Amino acid sequence: MRAEGIPMDEGKEVMLAGLAIVVGSKWRLVPRS
């Protein structure tokens, strides 16, 4: 259920997106053997 104009909800989405990017870049930096 999505409510309109809730900054907290948007903030969570932005945080999750940023976290995913950080984790993704870390995965790329880690040399897989």
C-alpha atoms as a PDB file:
ATOM      1  CA  MET A   1       0.000   0.000   0.000  1.00  0.00           C
ATOM      2  CA  ARG A   2       1.526   3.291  -1.069  1.00  0.00           C
ATOM      3  CA  ALA A   3       0.641   6.641   0.447  1.00  0.00           C
ATOM      4  CA  GLU A   4       1.318   9.923  -1.308  1.00  0.00           C
ATOM      5  CA  GLY A   5       4.056  12.302  -0.232  1.00  0.00           C
ATOM      6  CA  ILE A   6       5.569  10.400   2.673  1.00  0.00           C
ATOM      7  CA  PRO A   7       9.208  11.523   3.007  1.00  0.00           C
ATOM      8  CA  MET A   8      10.082   8.644   5.335  1.00  0.00           C
ATOM      9  CA  ASP A   9       9.019   6.081   2.749  1.00  0.00           C
ATOM     10  CA  GLU A  10      11.044   7.819   0.066  1.00  0.00           C
ATOM     11  CA  GLY A  11      14.031   8.091   2.383  1.00  0.00           C
ATOM     12  CA  LYS A  12      13.901   4.353   2.996  1.00  0.00           C
ATOM     13  CA  GLU A  13      13.849   3.665  -0.731  1.00  0.00           C
ATOM     14  CA  VAL A  14      16.795   5.976  -1.317  1.00  0.00           C
ATOM     15  CA  MET A  15      18.726   4.368   1.531  1.00  0.00           C
ATOM     16  CA  LEU A  16      18.030   0.873   0.192  1.00  0.00           C
ATOM     17  CA  ALA A  17      19.093   1.928  -3.305  1.00  0.00           C
ATOM     18  CA  GLY A  18      22.311   3.449  -1.966  1.00  0.00           C
ATOM     19  CA  LEU A  19      22.995   0.358   0.100  1.00  0.00           C
ATOM     20  CA  ALA A  20      22.462  -1.880  -2.928  1.00  0.00           C
ATOM     21  CA  ILE A  21      24.908   0.242  -4.957  1.00  0.00           C
ATOM     22  CA  VAL A  22      27.525   0.109  -2.198  1.00  0.00           C
ATOM     23  CA  VAL A  23      27.142  -3.642  -1.781  1.00  0.00           C
ATOM     24  CA  GLY A  24      27.253  -4.131  -5.552  1.00  0.00           C
ATOM     25  CA  SER A  25      30.451  -2.120  -5.949  1.00  0.00           C
ATOM     26  CA  LYS A  26      32.023  -3.967  -3.011  1.00  0.00           C
ATOM     27  CA  TRP A  27      31.154  -7.275  -4.658  1.00  0.00           C
ATOM     28  CA  ARG A  28      32.870  -6.076  -7.835  1.00  0.00           C
ATOM     29  CA  LEU A  29      35.953  -4.965  -5.906  1.00  0.00           C
ATOM     30  CA  VAL A  30      36.277  -8.310  -4.132  1.00  0.00           C
ATOM     31  CA  PRO A  31      38.449 -10.642  -6.212  1.00  0.00           C
ATOM     32  CA  ARG A  32      36.637 -13.941  -6.592  1.00  0.00           C
ATOM     33  CA  SER A  33      38.837 -17.006  -6.552  1.00  0.00           C
END
